[in-house]
Amino acid sequence: MSRRIPIFALALAAALAPARGALAQTSGEKAAEAQALFDEAMRLLKAGQAAEACPKLEESQRLDAGMGTQFRLGECYEKVGKLASAWASFVAVADTAAVAHLPDREAAARARAQALVPRLTRLTLKVAPAVVALEGVEIQRDGIGVARAVWGVPVPVDPGEHLIAVRAPGKQPWEGRVTTNDAAGAVTVTFEIPPLTDLPRVAKGPEGPPPPPPRPVSHPRSVAPAIVLGVVAVAAAGAGVGLFVAHSGQATDAQSLSNKIKAAHGTCTGAAMSSSCGSLASKASNADTLGNASTAAFIVSGAAAAATIGYLLWPQPATTTTGHLRLAPALGPGQGGLVAVGSF
C-alpha cells in the first residue's frame, strides 16, 4: 500500500486527523526525514522486528501526518499486541478517508478496525460518588487526563499495567495500578476509585506566654528650654542692673538739685517756689520709675533662673517603646489650632 495519497486528500486529512493532531504543510527537510523513517520501519516490519518499527512510524506520522503512515502504524501496533492503539489507528484512517471521499481506503481501514473489536480489552473506571461530587477533582490514566464523560465508560486499552492517579483540592492524592491482559476474547476490567481522604489539618501549637509589657525608655532631655530660660535670666539681670544704675543717677541728680534749692533758701511750696522745682520733680519721678523697673527685671531674672534649675533637676518621666504623643500649634493662612504629633 502506498504511503502517499493525492494532494487534495492529504490536505483535507491533515485538517481533520484526530489523536496526534494533523500538521500543516511541513518543510522539505521534515518531509524527507519522515519518509526516511517510514522506509526504515517498513524494512524492520518485513524483517519481523515490529517492536523496533513502531516508534519510527510514530515519529514519521508526527513529522508528516499521512493516512498511509497511520495505516501502517495500526498494523505495527497489532503485531506487537497493542490492539487498542491499532483499533484507534484504523478508525482514524477510515474517518479521514471518508472525509476525503476515498471509499476503498475507508472500507479497508474499517474492516481492519472491526476485526479487532472482538479482541479488545476495555477498562472501566468506577468512580465513587463522593469523588464525583468533589469540586476540581482530576483523574489521570498513565499521565493523561480522563474526562468526566469517560468515567464509568468501558474504554479500549492496550494490555499491560496502567497507573490511575486522582487529585482533588483538600484531599490526599491517591494512586492505584491496574493490569489488563491480552485475552483471547473481549474482556472488560472494572477498576474502582475509592473516596479520597481529607488532608490532615495542621495542629496549632500551644500558645506561648503573653509578650512582656513594653519597657520604659528614657529619652534624652532637651536642653533647648533650659537655654532659653537661661538667656532670659541673664538678659533680665542685665536689664535690672542697667535700670538700677540709671535709677541711682536720677536719684543722685534729684538730691543734688534739692540741696541747691535749699542752699538758695528756696522752696517748692507756696508763693516762693523755686524755678528748679519742676526739674526736681521730673528727676525724682524718673528715679522712682527706673527703680521700679529695675526691681521688676530682677524678679524676672530670678524667676527664669529658678525655672532653669527646676527644669534641669526635675525627674524625667519614663515613656514606653509604643510611642509618644504631643500637641503642637498649627498655623496657616486664615486658620489656626493644635495638631497631634507622635511616633508609634
C-alpha atoms as a PDB file:
ATOM      1  CA  MET A   1       0.000   0.000   0.000  1.00  0.00           C
ATOM      2  CA  SER A   2       1.472   3.380  -0.990  1.00  0.00           C
ATOM      3  CA  ARG A   3       2.185   5.797   1.795  1.00  0.00           C
ATOM      4  CA  ARG A   4       1.203   8.898  -0.152  1.00  0.00           C
ATOM      5  CA  ILE A   5      -2.295   9.975  -1.262  1.00  0.00           C
ATOM      6  CA  PRO A   6      -3.433  12.715  -3.672  1.00  0.00           C
ATOM      7  CA  ILE A   7      -2.584  16.217  -2.527  1.00  0.00           C
ATOM      8  CA  PHE A   8      -6.203  17.349  -2.004  1.00  0.00           C
ATOM      9  CA  ALA A   9      -6.950  14.309   0.154  1.00  0.00           C
ATOM     10  CA  LEU A  10      -3.792  14.755   2.195  1.00  0.00           C
ATOM     11  CA  ALA A  11      -4.613  18.406   2.836  1.00  0.00           C
ATOM     12  CA  LEU A  12      -8.112  17.531   3.997  1.00  0.00           C
ATOM     13  CA  ALA A  13      -6.814  14.697   6.150  1.00  0.00           C
ATOM     14  CA  ALA A  14      -4.246  16.980   7.724  1.00  0.00           C
ATOM     15  CA  ALA A  15      -7.005  19.364   8.743  1.00  0.00           C
ATOM     16  CA  LEU A  16      -9.193  16.697  10.314  1.00  0.00           C
ATOM     17  CA  ALA A  17      -6.881  13.938  11.583  1.00  0.00           C
ATOM     18  CA  PRO A  18      -7.523  13.181  15.300  1.00  0.00           C
ATOM     19  CA  ALA A  19      -5.338  11.796  18.129  1.00  0.00           C
ATOM     20  CA  ARG A  20      -1.804  13.058  17.480  1.00  0.00           C
ATOM     21  CA  GLY A  21      -3.130  16.070  15.607  1.00  0.00           C
ATOM     22  CA  ALA A  22      -2.842  16.935  11.951  1.00  0.00           C
ATOM     23  CA  LEU A  23       0.136  19.008  10.899  1.00  0.00           C
ATOM     24  CA  ALA A  24       0.046  21.796   8.354  1.00  0.00           C
ATOM     25  CA  GLN A  25       2.324  21.755   5.336  1.00  0.00           C
ATOM     26  CA  THR A  26       5.764  20.660   6.565  1.00  0.00           C
ATOM     27  CA  SER A  27       9.159  21.788   5.396  1.00  0.00           C
ATOM     28  CA  GLY A  28      11.049  19.732   2.836  1.00  0.00           C
ATOM     29  CA  GLU A  29      13.519  18.552   5.474  1.00  0.00           C
ATOM     30  CA  LYS A  30      10.774  17.258   7.772  1.00  0.00           C
ATOM     31  CA  ALA A  31       9.066  15.506   4.907  1.00  0.00           C
ATOM     32  CA  ALA A  32      12.340  13.881   3.898  1.00  0.00           C
ATOM     33  CA  GLU A  33      13.025  12.774   7.470  1.00  0.00           C
ATOM     34  CA  ALA A  34       9.513  11.357   7.763  1.00  0.00           C
ATOM     35  CA  GLN A  35       9.956   9.404   4.529  1.00  0.00           C
ATOM     36  CA  ALA A  36      13.300   8.003   5.711  1.00  0.00           C
ATOM     37  CA  LEU A  37      11.731   6.853   8.980  1.00  0.00           C
ATOM     38  CA  PHE A  38       8.819   5.285   7.091  1.00  0.00           C
ATOM     39  CA  ASP A  39      11.152   3.379   4.769  1.00  0.00           C
ATOM     40  CA  GLU A  40      13.228   2.100   7.695  1.00  0.00           C
ATOM     41  CA  ALA A  41      10.097   0.995   9.548  1.00  0.00           C
ATOM     42  CA  MET A  42       8.895  -0.920   6.505  1.00  0.00           C
ATOM     43  CA  ARG A  43      12.244  -2.690   6.330  1.00  0.00           C
ATOM     44  CA  LEU A  44      12.004  -3.616  10.024  1.00  0.00           C
ATOM     45  CA  LEU A  45       8.448  -4.900   9.610  1.00  0.00           C
ATOM     46  CA  LYS A  46       9.492  -7.169   6.734  1.00  0.00           C
ATOM     47  CA  ALA A  47      12.314  -8.423   8.930  1.00  0.00           C
ATOM     48  CA  GLY A  48       9.846  -9.295  11.683  1.00  0.00           C
ATOM     49  CA  GLN A  49      11.063  -6.504  14.009  1.00  0.00           C
ATOM     50  CA  ALA A  50       7.746  -4.820  14.710  1.00  0.00           C
ATOM     51  CA  ALA A  51       8.760  -3.589  18.186  1.00  0.00           C
ATOM     52  CA  GLU A  52      11.581  -1.534  16.623  1.00  0.00           C
ATOM     53  CA  ALA A  53       9.447  -0.386  13.696  1.00  0.00           C
ATOM     54  CA  CYS A  54       6.531   1.114  15.683  1.00  0.00           C
ATOM     55  CA  PRO A  55       8.481   4.042  17.276  1.00  0.00           C
ATOM     56  CA  LYS A  56       9.832   5.012  13.853  1.00  0.00           C
ATOM     57  CA  LEU A  57       6.337   5.031  12.358  1.00  0.00           C
ATOM     58  CA  GLU A  58       5.096   7.130  15.287  1.00  0.00           C
ATOM     59  CA  GLU A  59       7.800   9.731  14.668  1.00  0.00           C
ATOM     60  CA  SER A  60       7.198   9.688  10.920  1.00  0.00           C
ATOM     61  CA  GLN A  61       3.495  10.330  11.497  1.00  0.00           C
ATOM     62  CA  ARG A  62       4.323  13.178  13.905  1.00  0.00           C
ATOM     63  CA  LEU A  63       6.628  14.858  11.381  1.00  0.00           C
ATOM     64  CA  ASP A  64       4.408  14.413   8.316  1.00  0.00           C
ATOM     65  CA  ALA A  65       0.941  13.029   9.034  1.00  0.00           C
ATOM     66  CA  GLY A  66      -0.495  10.796   6.330  1.00  0.00           C
ATOM     67  CA  MET A  67      -3.160   8.108   6.061  1.00  0.00           C
ATOM     68  CA  GLY A  68      -0.639   5.633   4.680  1.00  0.00           C
ATOM     69  CA  THR A  69       1.648   6.032   7.678  1.00  0.00           C
ATOM     70  CA  GLN A  70      -1.306   5.877  10.074  1.00  0.00           C
ATOM     71  CA  PHE A  71      -2.494   2.625   8.475  1.00  0.00           C
ATOM     72  CA  ARG A  72       0.958   1.035   8.655  1.00  0.00           C
ATOM     73  CA  LEU A  73       1.227   2.182  12.281  1.00  0.00           C
ATOM     74  CA  GLY A  74      -2.037   0.387  13.039  1.00  0.00           C
ATOM     75  CA  GLU A  75      -0.608  -2.788  11.512  1.00  0.00           C
ATOM     76  CA  CYS A  76       2.548  -2.406  13.587  1.00  0.00           C
ATOM     77  CA  TYR A  77       0.543  -1.942  16.804  1.00  0.00           C
ATOM     78  CA  GLU A  78      -1.461  -5.063  16.005  1.00  0.00           C
ATOM     79  CA  LYS A  79       1.723  -7.092  15.564  1.00  0.00           C
ATOM     80  CA  VAL A  80       3.092  -6.051  18.992  1.00  0.00           C
ATOM     81  CA  GLY A  81      -0.220  -6.678  20.773  1.00  0.00           C
ATOM     82  CA  LYS A  82      -1.312  -3.069  21.281  1.00  0.00           C
ATOM     83  CA  LEU A  83      -4.775  -3.831  19.994  1.00  0.00           C
ATOM     84  CA  ALA A  84      -6.469  -0.690  21.365  1.00  0.00           C
ATOM     85  CA  SER A  85      -3.871   1.535  19.684  1.00  0.00           C
ATOM     86  CA  ALA A  86      -4.191  -0.455  16.457  1.00  0.00           C
ATOM     87  CA  TRP A  87      -8.009  -0.185  16.527  1.00  0.00           C
ATOM     88  CA  ALA A  88      -7.786   3.597  17.112  1.00  0.00           C
ATOM     89  CA  SER A  89      -5.323   3.999  14.206  1.00  0.00           C
ATOM     90  CA  PHE A  90      -7.544   2.093  11.769  1.00  0.00           C
ATOM     91  CA  VAL A  91     -10.625   4.071  12.861  1.00  0.00           C
ATOM     92  CA  ALA A  92      -8.717   7.354  12.335  1.00  0.00           C
ATOM     93  CA  VAL A  93      -7.711   6.292   8.815  1.00  0.00           C
ATOM     94  CA  ALA A  94     -11.282   5.262   7.987  1.00  0.00           C
ATOM     95  CA  ASP A  95     -12.735   8.554   9.211  1.00  0.00           C
ATOM     96  CA  THR A  96     -10.156  10.604   7.312  1.00  0.00           C
ATOM     97  CA  ALA A  97     -10.689   8.573   4.135  1.00  0.00           C
ATOM     98  CA  ALA A  98     -14.445   9.085   4.412  1.00  0.00           C
ATOM     99  CA  VAL A  99     -13.981  12.860   4.505  1.00  0.00           C
ATOM    100  CA  ALA A 100     -11.531  12.657   1.584  1.00  0.00           C
ATOM    101  CA  HIS A 101     -14.034  10.548  -0.428  1.00  0.00           C
ATOM    102  CA  LEU A 102     -11.725   7.551  -0.694  1.00  0.00           C
ATOM    103  CA  PRO A 103     -14.191   4.678  -0.285  1.00  0.00           C
ATOM    104  CA  ASP A 104     -11.739   1.856  -0.951  1.00  0.00           C
ATOM    105  CA  ARG A 105      -9.317   3.075   1.717  1.00  0.00           C
ATOM    106  CA  GLU A 106     -12.166   3.731   4.116  1.00  0.00           C
ATOM    107  CA  ALA A 107     -13.547   0.222   3.653  1.00  0.00           C
ATOM    108  CA  ALA A 108     -10.130  -1.405   4.149  1.00  0.00           C
ATOM    109  CA  ALA A 109      -9.470   0.557   7.344  1.00  0.00           C
ATOM    110  CA  ARG A 110     -12.919  -0.102   8.805  1.00  0.00           C
ATOM    111  CA  ALA A 111     -12.605  -3.800   8.080  1.00  0.00           C
ATOM    112  CA  ARG A 112      -9.319  -3.950   9.949  1.00  0.00           C
ATOM    113  CA  ALA A 113     -10.799  -1.992  12.888  1.00  0.00           C
ATOM    114  CA  GLN A 114     -13.923  -4.178  13.017  1.00  0.00           C
ATOM    115  CA  ALA A 115     -11.804  -7.318  13.053  1.00  0.00           C
ATOM    116  CA  LEU A 116     -10.123  -6.150  16.257  1.00  0.00           C
ATOM    117  CA  VAL A 117     -13.322  -5.322  18.178  1.00  0.00           C
ATOM    118  CA  PRO A 118     -13.927  -8.895  19.475  1.00  0.00           C
ATOM    119  CA  ARG A 119     -10.382  -8.968  20.826  1.00  0.00           C
ATOM    120  CA  LEU A 120     -10.293  -5.584  22.601  1.00  0.00           C
ATOM    121  CA  THR A 121      -9.711  -5.289  26.327  1.00  0.00           C
ATOM    122  CA  ARG A 122     -11.681  -2.453  27.891  1.00  0.00           C
ATOM    123  CA  LEU A 123     -11.138  -0.614  31.169  1.00  0.00           C
ATOM    124  CA  THR A 124     -13.969   0.940  33.147  1.00  0.00           C
ATOM    125  CA  LEU A 125     -13.147   3.485  35.853  1.00  0.00           C
ATOM    126  CA  LYS A 126     -15.848   3.182  38.501  1.00  0.00           C
ATOM    127  CA  VAL A 127     -15.601   6.439  40.448  1.00  0.00           C
ATOM    128  CA  ALA A 128     -17.060   6.631  43.951  1.00  0.00           C
ATOM    129  CA  PRO A 129     -19.978   9.114  44.250  1.00  0.00           C
ATOM    130  CA  ALA A 130     -18.068  11.035  46.920  1.00  0.00           C
ATOM    131  CA  VAL A 131     -15.277  11.611  44.402  1.00  0.00           C
ATOM    132  CA  VAL A 132     -17.683  12.567  41.622  1.00  0.00           C
ATOM    133  CA  ALA A 133     -19.173  15.246  43.874  1.00  0.00           C
ATOM    134  CA  LEU A 134     -15.806  16.874  44.575  1.00  0.00           C
ATOM    135  CA  GLU A 135     -15.029  20.257  43.044  1.00  0.00           C
ATOM    136  CA  GLY A 136     -11.858  20.370  40.971  1.00  0.00           C
ATOM    137  CA  VAL A 137     -11.218  16.619  41.045  1.00  0.00           C
ATOM    138  CA  GLU A 138      -8.889  15.318  38.325  1.00  0.00           C
ATOM    139  CA  ILE A 139      -8.342  11.721  37.233  1.00  0.00           C
ATOM    140  CA  GLN A 140      -5.418  10.650  35.061  1.00  0.00           C
ATOM    141  CA  ARG A 141      -4.614   7.362  33.362  1.00  0.00           C
ATOM    142  CA  ASP A 142      -0.944   6.886  32.570  1.00  0.00           C
ATOM    143  CA  GLY A 143      -0.391  10.638  32.985  1.00  0.00           C
ATOM    144  CA  ILE A 144      -3.214  11.677  30.629  1.00  0.00           C
ATOM    145  CA  GLY A 145      -6.370  13.302  31.946  1.00  0.00           C
ATOM    146  CA  VAL A 146      -9.588  11.299  31.812  1.00  0.00           C
ATOM    147  CA  ALA A 147     -12.620  13.485  31.083  1.00  0.00           C
ATOM    148  CA  ARG A 148     -15.706  13.189  33.277  1.00  0.00           C
ATOM    149  CA  ALA A 149     -17.676  11.925  30.309  1.00  0.00           C
ATOM    150  CA  VAL A 150     -15.404   8.860  30.175  1.00  0.00           C
ATOM    151  CA  TRP A 151     -15.880   7.931  33.845  1.00  0.00           C
ATOM    152  CA  GLY A 152     -17.814   4.679  34.012  1.00  0.00           C
ATOM    153  CA  VAL A 153     -17.483   4.047  30.253  1.00  0.00           C
ATOM    154  CA  PRO A 154     -15.623   0.914  29.022  1.00  0.00           C
ATOM    155  CA  VAL A 155     -12.676   2.269  27.034  1.00  0.00           C
ATOM    156  CA  PRO A 156     -10.335   0.126  24.909  1.00  0.00           C
ATOM    157  CA  VAL A 157      -6.842  -0.032  26.406  1.00  0.00           C
ATOM    158  CA  ASP A 158      -3.640  -1.788  25.485  1.00  0.00           C
ATOM    159  CA  PRO A 159      -2.645  -4.741  27.663  1.00  0.00           C
ATOM    160  CA  GLY A 160      -0.247  -4.058  30.495  1.00  0.00           C
ATOM    161  CA  GLU A 161      -0.096  -2.071  33.726  1.00  0.00           C
ATOM    162  CA  HIS A 162      -1.895   1.266  33.919  1.00  0.00           C
ATOM    163  CA  LEU A 163      -1.410   3.927  36.601  1.00  0.00           C
ATOM    164  CA  ILE A 164      -4.552   5.701  37.817  1.00  0.00           C
ATOM    165  CA  ALA A 165      -3.983   8.954  39.741  1.00  0.00           C
ATOM    166  CA  VAL A 166      -6.627  11.100  41.433  1.00  0.00           C
ATOM    167  CA  ARG A 167      -6.150  14.655  42.720  1.00  0.00           C
ATOM    168  CA  ALA A 168      -8.636  16.992  44.406  1.00  0.00           C
ATOM    169  CA  PRO A 169      -8.325  20.177  46.495  1.00  0.00           C
ATOM    170  CA  GLY A 170      -8.205  19.448  50.222  1.00  0.00           C
ATOM    171  CA  LYS A 171      -7.752  15.707  49.675  1.00  0.00           C
ATOM    172  CA  GLN A 172      -4.781  13.416  49.869  1.00  0.00           C
ATOM    173  CA  PRO A 173      -3.579  12.342  46.393  1.00  0.00           C
ATOM    174  CA  TRP A 174      -4.465   8.765  45.534  1.00  0.00           C
ATOM    175  CA  GLU A 175      -2.857   6.357  43.078  1.00  0.00           C
ATOM    176  CA  GLY A 176      -3.674   2.832  42.033  1.00  0.00           C
ATOM    177  CA  ARG A 177      -2.473   0.366  39.425  1.00  0.00           C
ATOM    178  CA  VAL A 178      -4.493  -1.974  37.271  1.00  0.00           C
ATOM    179  CA  THR A 179      -3.161  -4.635  34.907  1.00  0.00           C
ATOM    180  CA  THR A 180      -5.028  -5.677  31.760  1.00  0.00           C
ATOM    181  CA  ASN A 181      -4.005  -8.849  29.958  1.00  0.00           C
ATOM    182  CA  ASP A 182      -4.180  -9.743  26.280  1.00  0.00           C
ATOM    183  CA  ALA A 183      -7.127 -12.163  26.361  1.00  0.00           C
ATOM    184  CA  ALA A 184      -8.393 -14.307  23.521  1.00  0.00           C
ATOM    185  CA  GLY A 185     -11.763 -12.568  23.608  1.00  0.00           C
ATOM    186  CA  ALA A 186     -13.158  -9.201  24.590  1.00  0.00           C
ATOM    187  CA  VAL A 187     -12.722  -8.507  28.308  1.00  0.00           C
ATOM    188  CA  THR A 188     -13.875  -5.541  30.378  1.00  0.00           C
ATOM    189  CA  VAL A 189     -11.905  -4.759  33.529  1.00  0.00           C
ATOM    190  CA  THR A 190     -13.585  -2.571  36.152  1.00  0.00           C
ATOM    191  CA  PHE A 191     -11.342  -0.518  38.411  1.00  0.00           C
ATOM    192  CA  GLU A 192     -12.878   1.210  41.425  1.00  0.00           C
ATOM    193  CA  ILE A 193     -11.687   4.600  42.637  1.00  0.00           C
ATOM    194  CA  PRO A 194     -12.492   4.911  46.364  1.00  0.00           C
ATOM    195  CA  PRO A 195     -13.417   8.089  48.297  1.00  0.00           C
ATOM    196  CA  LEU A 196     -10.454  10.305  48.999  1.00  0.00           C
ATOM    197  CA  THR A 197      -9.081  11.056  52.450  1.00  0.00           C
ATOM    198  CA  ASP A 198      -9.038  14.595  53.771  1.00  0.00           C
ATOM    199  CA  LEU A 199      -5.677  16.250  54.142  1.00  0.00           C
ATOM    200  CA  PRO A 200      -4.584  16.349  57.792  1.00  0.00           C
ATOM    201  CA  ARG A 201      -5.237  19.628  59.493  1.00  0.00           C
ATOM    202  CA  VAL A 202      -2.229  21.494  60.720  1.00  0.00           C
ATOM    203  CA  ALA A 203      -2.409  21.457  64.502  1.00  0.00           C
ATOM    204  CA  LYS A 204      -1.754  24.726  66.212  1.00  0.00           C
ATOM    205  CA  GLY A 205       0.989  24.658  68.795  1.00  0.00           C
ATOM    206  CA  PRO A 206       0.351  25.696  72.405  1.00  0.00           C
ATOM    207  CA  GLU A 207       0.107  29.390  72.882  1.00  0.00           C
ATOM    208  CA  GLY A 208       3.206  30.849  74.443  1.00  0.00           C
ATOM    209  CA  PRO A 209       3.289  33.263  77.363  1.00  0.00           C
ATOM    210  CA  PRO A 210       1.958  36.738  76.725  1.00  0.00           C
ATOM    211  CA  PRO A 211       4.534  39.179  75.462  1.00  0.00           C
ATOM    212  CA  PRO A 212       6.211  41.237  78.173  1.00  0.00           C
ATOM    213  CA  PRO A 213       4.954  44.770  78.664  1.00  0.00           C
ATOM    214  CA  PRO A 214       6.913  47.428  76.843  1.00  0.00           C
ATOM    215  CA  ARG A 215       9.936  48.558  78.750  1.00  0.00           C
ATOM    216  CA  PRO A 216      10.122  52.171  79.897  1.00  0.00           C
ATOM    217  CA  VAL A 217      12.599  54.100  77.842  1.00  0.00           C
ATOM    218  CA  SER A 218      14.153  57.350  78.981  1.00  0.00           C
ATOM    219  CA  HIS A 219      14.659  59.775  76.157  1.00  0.00           C
ATOM    220  CA  PRO A 220      17.390  62.404  76.468  1.00  0.00           C
ATOM    221  CA  ARG A 221      16.021  65.634  77.927  1.00  0.00           C
ATOM    222  CA  SER A 222      16.001  68.528  75.528  1.00  0.00           C
ATOM    223  CA  VAL A 223      18.270  71.381  76.668  1.00  0.00           C
ATOM    224  CA  ALA A 224      16.573  73.946  74.462  1.00  0.00           C
ATOM    225  CA  PRO A 225      14.102  75.112  77.156  1.00  0.00           C
ATOM    226  CA  ALA A 226      16.936  75.445  79.681  1.00  0.00           C
ATOM    227  CA  ILE A 227      18.956  77.528  77.248  1.00  0.00           C
ATOM    228  CA  VAL A 228      16.006  79.820  76.551  1.00  0.00           C
ATOM    229  CA  LEU A 229      15.258  80.264  80.253  1.00  0.00           C
ATOM    230  CA  GLY A 230      18.941  80.893  81.000  1.00  0.00           C
ATOM    231  CA  VAL A 231      19.124  83.568  78.319  1.00  0.00           C
ATOM    232  CA  VAL A 232      16.022  85.225  79.754  1.00  0.00           C
ATOM    233  CA  ALA A 233      17.510  85.150  83.265  1.00  0.00           C
ATOM    234  CA  VAL A 234      20.794  86.712  82.141  1.00  0.00           C
ATOM    235  CA  ALA A 235      19.077  89.307  79.975  1.00  0.00           C
ATOM    236  CA  ALA A 236      16.672  90.267  82.737  1.00  0.00           C
ATOM    237  CA  ALA A 237      19.533  90.507  85.229  1.00  0.00           C
ATOM    238  CA  GLY A 238      21.478  92.735  82.848  1.00  0.00           C
ATOM    239  CA  ALA A 239      18.439  94.934  82.322  1.00  0.00           C
ATOM    240  CA  GLY A 240      17.925  95.126  86.080  1.00  0.00           C
ATOM    241  CA  VAL A 241      21.497  96.273  86.636  1.00  0.00           C
ATOM    242  CA  GLY A 242      21.246  98.861  83.880  1.00  0.00           C
ATOM    243  CA  LEU A 243      17.942 100.209  85.220  1.00  0.00           C
ATOM    244  CA  PHE A 244      19.318 100.317  88.745  1.00  0.00           C
ATOM    245  CA  VAL A 245      22.340 102.361  87.590  1.00  0.00           C
ATOM    246  CA  ALA A 246      20.037 104.774  85.749  1.00  0.00           C
ATOM    247  CA  HIS A 247      17.789 104.956  88.855  1.00  0.00           C
ATOM    248  CA  SER A 248      20.789 105.768  91.044  1.00  0.00           C
ATOM    249  CA  GLY A 249      21.927 108.517  88.650  1.00  0.00           C
ATOM    250  CA  GLN A 250      18.491 110.153  88.575  1.00  0.00           C
ATOM    251  CA  ALA A 251      18.179 109.878  92.363  1.00  0.00           C
ATOM    252  CA  THR A 252      21.619 111.497  92.846  1.00  0.00           C
ATOM    253  CA  ASP A 253      20.759 114.314  90.428  1.00  0.00           C
ATOM    254  CA  ALA A 254      17.465 114.926  92.233  1.00  0.00           C
ATOM    255  CA  GLN A 255      19.199 115.022  95.621  1.00  0.00           C
ATOM    256  CA  SER A 256      21.843 117.459  94.340  1.00  0.00           C
ATOM    257  CA  LEU A 257      19.184 119.740  92.865  1.00  0.00           C
ATOM    258  CA  SER A 258      17.212 119.619  96.095  1.00  0.00           C
ATOM    259  CA  ASN A 259      20.335 120.671  98.052  1.00  0.00           C
ATOM    260  CA  LYS A 260      20.905 123.605  95.699  1.00  0.00           C
ATOM    261  CA  ILE A 261      17.347 124.810  96.141  1.00  0.00           C
ATOM    262  CA  LYS A 262      17.733 124.638  99.921  1.00  0.00           C
ATOM    263  CA  ALA A 263      21.073 126.438  99.811  1.00  0.00           C
ATOM    264  CA  ALA A 264      19.437 129.262  97.894  1.00  0.00           C
ATOM    265  CA  HIS A 265      16.767 129.438 100.596  1.00  0.00           C
ATOM    266  CA  GLY A 266      14.280 128.360  98.065  1.00  0.00           C
ATOM    267  CA  THR A 267      11.221 126.196  98.493  1.00  0.00           C
ATOM    268  CA  CYS A 268       8.976 124.131  96.321  1.00  0.00           C
ATOM    269  CA  THR A 269       5.786 125.148  98.150  1.00  0.00           C
ATOM    270  CA  GLY A 270       3.939 128.367  98.493  1.00  0.00           C
ATOM    271  CA  ALA A 271       4.487 131.600  96.635  1.00  0.00           C
ATOM    272  CA  ALA A 272       8.291 131.453  96.887  1.00  0.00           C
ATOM    273  CA  MET A 273       8.502 128.294  94.766  1.00  0.00           C
ATOM    274  CA  SER A 274      11.883 127.982  93.066  1.00  0.00           C
ATOM    275  CA  SER A 275      12.071 127.711  89.304  1.00  0.00           C
ATOM    276  CA  SER A 276      14.079 124.498  89.656  1.00  0.00           C
ATOM    277  CA  CYS A 277      11.236 122.643  91.353  1.00  0.00           C
ATOM    278  CA  GLY A 278       9.895 121.295  88.019  1.00  0.00           C
ATOM    279  CA  SER A 279      13.240 119.772  87.128  1.00  0.00           C
ATOM    280  CA  LEU A 280      13.497 118.326  90.625  1.00  0.00           C
ATOM    281  CA  ALA A 281      10.077 116.710  90.351  1.00  0.00           C
ATOM    282  CA  SER A 282      10.942 115.221  86.955  1.00  0.00           C
ATOM    283  CA  LYS A 283      14.204 113.724  88.170  1.00  0.00           C
ATOM    284  CA  ALA A 284      12.546 112.295  91.259  1.00  0.00           C
ATOM    285  CA  SER A 285       9.758 110.734  89.160  1.00  0.00           C
ATOM    286  CA  ASN A 286      12.291 109.227  86.719  1.00  0.00           C
ATOM    287  CA  ALA A 287      14.284 107.817  89.627  1.00  0.00           C
ATOM    288  CA  ASP A 288      11.156 106.134  91.024  1.00  0.00           C
ATOM    289  CA  THR A 289      10.167 104.685  87.607  1.00  0.00           C
ATOM    290  CA  LEU A 290      13.656 103.333  86.921  1.00  0.00           C
ATOM    291  CA  GLY A 291      13.810 101.851  90.395  1.00  0.00           C
ATOM    292  CA  ASN A 292      10.518 100.040  89.950  1.00  0.00           C
ATOM    293  CA  ALA A 293      11.609  98.734  86.516  1.00  0.00           C
ATOM    294  CA  SER A 294      14.924  97.557  87.938  1.00  0.00           C
ATOM    295  CA  THR A 295      13.090  95.662  90.666  1.00  0.00           C
ATOM    296  CA  ALA A 296      10.782  94.000  88.111  1.00  0.00           C
ATOM    297  CA  ALA A 297      13.754  92.989  85.933  1.00  0.00           C
ATOM    298  CA  PHE A 298      15.485  91.391  88.886  1.00  0.00           C
ATOM    299  CA  ILE A 299      12.274  89.495  89.728  1.00  0.00           C
ATOM    300  CA  VAL A 300      12.014  88.183  86.150  1.00  0.00           C
ATOM    301  CA  SER A 301      15.683  87.186  86.191  1.00  0.00           C
ATOM    302  CA  GLY A 302      15.241  85.297  89.428  1.00  0.00           C
ATOM    303  CA  ALA A 303      12.140  83.500  88.186  1.00  0.00           C
ATOM    304  CA  ALA A 304      13.872  82.471  84.933  1.00  0.00           C
ATOM    305  CA  ALA A 305      16.909  81.244  86.838  1.00  0.00           C
ATOM    306  CA  ALA A 306      14.709  79.215  89.190  1.00  0.00           C
ATOM    307  CA  ALA A 307      12.806  77.740  86.245  1.00  0.00           C
ATOM    308  CA  THR A 308      16.078  76.758  84.561  1.00  0.00           C
ATOM    309  CA  ILE A 309      17.309  74.949  87.642  1.00  0.00           C
ATOM    310  CA  GLY A 310      13.954  73.277  88.202  1.00  0.00           C
ATOM    311  CA  TYR A 311      13.757  72.054  84.581  1.00  0.00           C
ATOM    312  CA  LEU A 312      17.223  70.531  84.742  1.00  0.00           C
ATOM    313  CA  LEU A 313      16.692  68.883  88.143  1.00  0.00           C
ATOM    314  CA  TRP A 314      13.078  67.668  87.711  1.00  0.00           C
ATOM    315  CA  PRO A 315      12.918  63.847  87.165  1.00  0.00           C
ATOM    316  CA  GLN A 316      12.464  62.831  83.516  1.00  0.00           C
ATOM    317  CA  PRO A 317       9.161  60.861  83.093  1.00  0.00           C
ATOM    318  CA  ALA A 318       9.730  57.359  81.632  1.00  0.00           C
ATOM    319  CA  THR A 319       7.983  56.522  78.351  1.00  0.00           C
ATOM    320  CA  THR A 320       7.360  53.154  76.691  1.00  0.00           C
ATOM    321  CA  THR A 321       8.538  51.920  73.340  1.00  0.00           C
ATOM    322  CA  THR A 322       4.996  52.026  71.989  1.00  0.00           C
ATOM    323  CA  GLY A 323       5.281  55.701  71.127  1.00  0.00           C
ATOM    324  CA  HIS A 324       4.534  59.159  72.411  1.00  0.00           C
ATOM    325  CA  LEU A 325       2.134  61.888  71.523  1.00  0.00           C
ATOM    326  CA  ARG A 326       2.346  65.664  71.903  1.00  0.00           C
ATOM    327  CA  LEU A 327       0.395  68.676  70.808  1.00  0.00           C
ATOM    328  CA  ALA A 328       1.860  71.329  68.546  1.00  0.00           C
ATOM    329  CA  PRO A 329       0.392  74.557  67.242  1.00  0.00           C
ATOM    330  CA  ALA A 330      -0.766  74.535  63.623  1.00  0.00           C
ATOM    331  CA  LEU A 331      -0.878  77.886  61.909  1.00  0.00           C
ATOM    332  CA  GLY A 332      -1.796  78.701  58.357  1.00  0.00           C
ATOM    333  CA  PRO A 333      -3.465  81.341  56.229  1.00  0.00           C
ATOM    334  CA  GLY A 334      -6.796  82.075  57.816  1.00  0.00           C
ATOM    335  CA  GLN A 335      -6.669  79.178  60.277  1.00  0.00           C
ATOM    336  CA  GLY A 336      -5.036  78.003  63.436  1.00  0.00           C
ATOM    337  CA  GLY A 337      -5.259  75.295  66.046  1.00  0.00           C
ATOM    338  CA  LEU A 338      -3.457  72.299  67.511  1.00  0.00           C
ATOM    339  CA  VAL A 339      -2.264  69.085  65.863  1.00  0.00           C
ATOM    340  CA  ALA A 340      -1.258  65.816  67.495  1.00  0.00           C
ATOM    341  CA  VAL A 341       2.270  64.751  66.680  1.00  0.00           C
ATOM    342  CA  GLY A 342       3.748  61.434  67.819  1.00  0.00           C
ATOM    343  CA  SER A 343       5.613  58.276  66.961  1.00  0.00           C
ATOM    344  CA  PHE A 344       4.408  54.710  67.440  1.00  0.00           C
END
